[in-house]
């Protein structure tokens, strides 16, 4: 069995963190961690949740970049992370509840990177 970091749920958790970072930087000028309910909702229907974020991501990154300063710089990094973290193969719509812990680990790992890089912009 491979490392947790090699699995889809972990990678999708990282993607979710990047998508939420772009959205948070656009709307509030900071990254607000997901609630348990938001995480569970995403785990139960990842493709639908990701599509919702991706449909507005262009406008989100534009709004965040217009804020200028550290928020604009962080938005550029997070948006590049989104592009890097989207799987190259079609994403299935299956629930990832059996590996919810791996999803959360990926989410927390990406969020930790943002906390370290963007002190003061991540709650």
C-alpha atoms as a PDB file:
ATOM      1  CA  UNK A   1       0.000   0.000   0.000  1.00  0.00           C
ATOM      2  CA  UNK A   2       1.330   3.438  -0.959  1.00  0.00           C
ATOM      3  CA  UNK A   3       1.652   6.517   1.176  1.00  0.00           C
ATOM      4  CA  UNK A   4      -1.479   8.475   2.044  1.00  0.00           C
ATOM      5  CA  UNK A   5       0.011  11.385   0.083  1.00  0.00           C
ATOM      6  CA  UNK A   6      -0.128   9.311  -3.112  1.00  0.00           C
ATOM      7  CA  UNK A   7      -3.887   8.766  -3.006  1.00  0.00           C
ATOM      8  CA  UNK A   8      -6.731  10.651  -4.647  1.00  0.00           C
ATOM      9  CA  UNK A   9      -8.496  11.657  -1.409  1.00  0.00           C
ATOM     10  CA  UNK A  10      -5.319  13.323  -0.104  1.00  0.00           C
ATOM     11  CA  UNK A  11      -4.754  15.156  -3.401  1.00  0.00           C
ATOM     12  CA  UNK A  12      -8.401  16.223  -3.535  1.00  0.00           C
ATOM     13  CA  UNK A  13      -8.081  17.578   0.001  1.00  0.00           C
ATOM     14  CA  UNK A  14      -5.162  19.725  -1.159  1.00  0.00           C
ATOM     15  CA  UNK A  15      -7.160  20.894  -4.178  1.00  0.00           C
ATOM     16  CA  UNK A  16     -10.075  21.800  -1.922  1.00  0.00           C
ATOM     17  CA  UNK A  17      -7.775  23.896   0.269  1.00  0.00           C
ATOM     18  CA  UNK A  18      -6.439  25.764  -2.780  1.00  0.00           C
ATOM     19  CA  UNK A  19      -9.950  26.423  -4.120  1.00  0.00           C
ATOM     20  CA  UNK A  20     -11.124  27.691  -0.742  1.00  0.00           C
ATOM     21  CA  UNK A  21      -8.016  29.874  -0.464  1.00  0.00           C
ATOM     22  CA  UNK A  22      -8.794  31.610  -3.767  1.00  0.00           C
ATOM     23  CA  UNK A  23     -12.437  32.097  -2.717  1.00  0.00           C
ATOM     24  CA  UNK A  24     -11.521  33.389   0.740  1.00  0.00           C
ATOM     25  CA  UNK A  25      -8.900  35.791  -0.556  1.00  0.00           C
ATOM     26  CA  UNK A  26     -11.462  37.149  -3.029  1.00  0.00           C
ATOM     27  CA  UNK A  27     -14.345  37.566  -0.603  1.00  0.00           C
ATOM     28  CA  UNK A  28     -12.695  38.335   2.724  1.00  0.00           C
ATOM     29  CA  UNK A  29      -9.063  39.074   1.922  1.00  0.00           C
ATOM     30  CA  UNK A  30      -8.058  36.047   3.990  1.00  0.00           C
ATOM     31  CA  UNK A  31      -8.349  32.266   4.069  1.00  0.00           C
ATOM     32  CA  UNK A  32     -10.945  30.924   6.459  1.00  0.00           C
ATOM     33  CA  UNK A  33     -10.665  27.188   7.222  1.00  0.00           C
ATOM     34  CA  UNK A  34     -13.559  24.946   6.256  1.00  0.00           C
ATOM     35  CA  UNK A  35     -15.997  23.814   8.880  1.00  0.00           C
ATOM     36  CA  UNK A  36     -16.505  20.120   9.599  1.00  0.00           C
ATOM     37  CA  UNK A  37     -19.836  20.340   7.794  1.00  0.00           C
ATOM     38  CA  UNK A  38     -18.215  21.846   4.667  1.00  0.00           C
ATOM     39  CA  UNK A  39     -15.566  19.128   4.679  1.00  0.00           C
ATOM     40  CA  UNK A  40     -18.148  16.360   5.032  1.00  0.00           C
ATOM     41  CA  UNK A  41     -20.262  17.867   2.249  1.00  0.00           C
ATOM     42  CA  UNK A  42     -17.245  17.941  -0.049  1.00  0.00           C
ATOM     43  CA  UNK A  43     -16.288  14.369   0.802  1.00  0.00           C
ATOM     44  CA  UNK A  44     -19.802  13.195  -0.041  1.00  0.00           C
ATOM     45  CA  UNK A  45     -19.905  14.922  -3.462  1.00  0.00           C
ATOM     46  CA  UNK A  46     -16.435  16.129  -4.457  1.00  0.00           C
ATOM     47  CA  UNK A  47     -17.002  16.639  -8.182  1.00  0.00           C
ATOM     48  CA  UNK A  48     -20.075  18.816  -7.615  1.00  0.00           C
ATOM     49  CA  UNK A  49     -18.356  20.941  -4.974  1.00  0.00           C
ATOM     50  CA  UNK A  50     -15.210  21.384  -7.065  1.00  0.00           C
ATOM     51  CA  UNK A  51     -17.235  22.351 -10.134  1.00  0.00           C
ATOM     52  CA  UNK A  52     -19.000  25.022  -8.088  1.00  0.00           C
ATOM     53  CA  UNK A  53     -15.682  26.533  -7.039  1.00  0.00           C
ATOM     54  CA  UNK A  54     -14.180  26.255 -10.515  1.00  0.00           C
ATOM     55  CA  UNK A  55     -17.129  27.969 -12.202  1.00  0.00           C
ATOM     56  CA  UNK A  56     -16.375  31.180 -10.320  1.00  0.00           C
ATOM     57  CA  UNK A  57     -12.616  30.806  -9.844  1.00  0.00           C
ATOM     58  CA  UNK A  58     -11.736  33.268 -12.609  1.00  0.00           C
ATOM     59  CA  UNK A  59     -13.846  35.983 -11.004  1.00  0.00           C
ATOM     60  CA  UNK A  60     -12.543  35.019  -7.578  1.00  0.00           C
ATOM     61  CA  UNK A  61      -8.906  35.354  -8.579  1.00  0.00           C
ATOM     62  CA  UNK A  62      -9.624  38.663 -10.304  1.00  0.00           C
ATOM     63  CA  UNK A  63     -11.319  40.039  -7.170  1.00  0.00           C
ATOM     64  CA  UNK A  64      -8.473  38.836  -4.951  1.00  0.00           C
ATOM     65  CA  UNK A  65      -5.801  40.268  -7.262  1.00  0.00           C
ATOM     66  CA  UNK A  66      -7.596  43.628  -7.285  1.00  0.00           C
ATOM     67  CA  UNK A  67      -7.128  43.816  -3.516  1.00  0.00           C
ATOM     68  CA  UNK A  68      -3.403  44.239  -4.173  1.00  0.00           C
ATOM     69  CA  UNK A  69      -0.490  43.639  -1.796  1.00  0.00           C
ATOM     70  CA  UNK A  70      -0.066  40.341   0.030  1.00  0.00           C
ATOM     71  CA  UNK A  71      -3.618  39.231  -0.807  1.00  0.00           C
ATOM     72  CA  UNK A  72      -2.949  39.590  -4.544  1.00  0.00           C
ATOM     73  CA  UNK A  73       0.325  37.702  -4.248  1.00  0.00           C
ATOM     74  CA  UNK A  74      -1.285  34.905  -2.233  1.00  0.00           C
ATOM     75  CA  UNK A  75      -4.154  34.641  -4.735  1.00  0.00           C
ATOM     76  CA  UNK A  76      -1.684  34.168  -7.586  1.00  0.00           C
ATOM     77  CA  UNK A  77      -0.012  31.291  -5.738  1.00  0.00           C
ATOM     78  CA  UNK A  78      -3.298  29.644  -4.722  1.00  0.00           C
ATOM     79  CA  UNK A  79      -4.698  29.910  -8.253  1.00  0.00           C
ATOM     80  CA  UNK A  80      -1.530  28.320  -9.668  1.00  0.00           C
ATOM     81  CA  UNK A  81      -1.904  25.571  -7.043  1.00  0.00           C
ATOM     82  CA  UNK A  82      -5.464  24.907  -8.249  1.00  0.00           C
ATOM     83  CA  UNK A  83      -4.204  24.360 -11.792  1.00  0.00           C
ATOM     84  CA  UNK A  84      -1.392  22.122 -10.550  1.00  0.00           C
ATOM     85  CA  UNK A  85      -3.625  20.058  -8.255  1.00  0.00           C
ATOM     86  CA  UNK A  86      -6.502  19.322 -10.670  1.00  0.00           C
ATOM     87  CA  UNK A  87      -6.117  15.685 -11.688  1.00  0.00           C
ATOM     88  CA  UNK A  88      -5.209  15.147 -15.359  1.00  0.00           C
ATOM     89  CA  UNK A  89      -7.806  12.388 -15.678  1.00  0.00           C
ATOM     90  CA  UNK A  90     -11.579  12.815 -15.331  1.00  0.00           C
ATOM     91  CA  UNK A  91     -12.640  13.202 -11.713  1.00  0.00           C
ATOM     92  CA  UNK A  92     -15.317  10.744 -10.757  1.00  0.00           C
ATOM     93  CA  UNK A  93     -18.246  11.762  -8.634  1.00  0.00           C
ATOM     94  CA  UNK A  94     -17.926   8.940  -6.139  1.00  0.00           C
ATOM     95  CA  UNK A  95     -18.024   9.660  -2.468  1.00  0.00           C
ATOM     96  CA  UNK A  96     -14.669   9.545  -0.739  1.00  0.00           C
ATOM     97  CA  UNK A  97     -16.128   8.873   2.689  1.00  0.00           C
ATOM     98  CA  UNK A  98     -14.174   5.630   3.187  1.00  0.00           C
ATOM     99  CA  UNK A  99     -11.008   7.745   2.993  1.00  0.00           C
ATOM    100  CA  UNK A 100     -12.325  10.947   4.548  1.00  0.00           C
ATOM    101  CA  UNK A 101      -9.345  11.025   6.910  1.00  0.00           C
ATOM    102  CA  UNK A 102      -6.954  11.091   3.938  1.00  0.00           C
ATOM    103  CA  UNK A 103      -8.942  13.939   2.385  1.00  0.00           C
ATOM    104  CA  UNK A 104      -8.720  15.895   5.626  1.00  0.00           C
ATOM    105  CA  UNK A 105      -4.982  15.218   5.876  1.00  0.00           C
ATOM    106  CA  UNK A 106      -4.464  16.611   2.386  1.00  0.00           C
ATOM    107  CA  UNK A 107      -6.629  19.615   3.184  1.00  0.00           C
ATOM    108  CA  UNK A 108      -4.745  20.309   6.415  1.00  0.00           C
ATOM    109  CA  UNK A 109      -1.345  19.858   4.727  1.00  0.00           C
ATOM    110  CA  UNK A 110      -2.170  22.434   2.053  1.00  0.00           C
ATOM    111  CA  UNK A 111      -3.662  24.816   4.607  1.00  0.00           C
ATOM    112  CA  UNK A 112      -0.515  24.481   6.741  1.00  0.00           C
ATOM    113  CA  UNK A 113       1.610  25.467   3.733  1.00  0.00           C
ATOM    114  CA  UNK A 114      -0.543  28.553   3.263  1.00  0.00           C
ATOM    115  CA  UNK A 115      -0.367  29.469   6.958  1.00  0.00           C
ATOM    116  CA  UNK A 116       3.409  29.316   6.808  1.00  0.00           C
ATOM    117  CA  UNK A 117       3.692  31.286   3.556  1.00  0.00           C
ATOM    118  CA  UNK A 118       0.990  33.886   4.212  1.00  0.00           C
ATOM    119  CA  UNK A 119       1.252  34.775   7.882  1.00  0.00           C
ATOM    120  CA  UNK A 120      -1.757  36.806   8.912  1.00  0.00           C
ATOM    121  CA  UNK A 121      -3.875  35.877   5.889  1.00  0.00           C
ATOM    122  CA  UNK A 122      -4.968  32.424   7.065  1.00  0.00           C
ATOM    123  CA  UNK A 123      -7.202  31.976  10.118  1.00  0.00           C
END
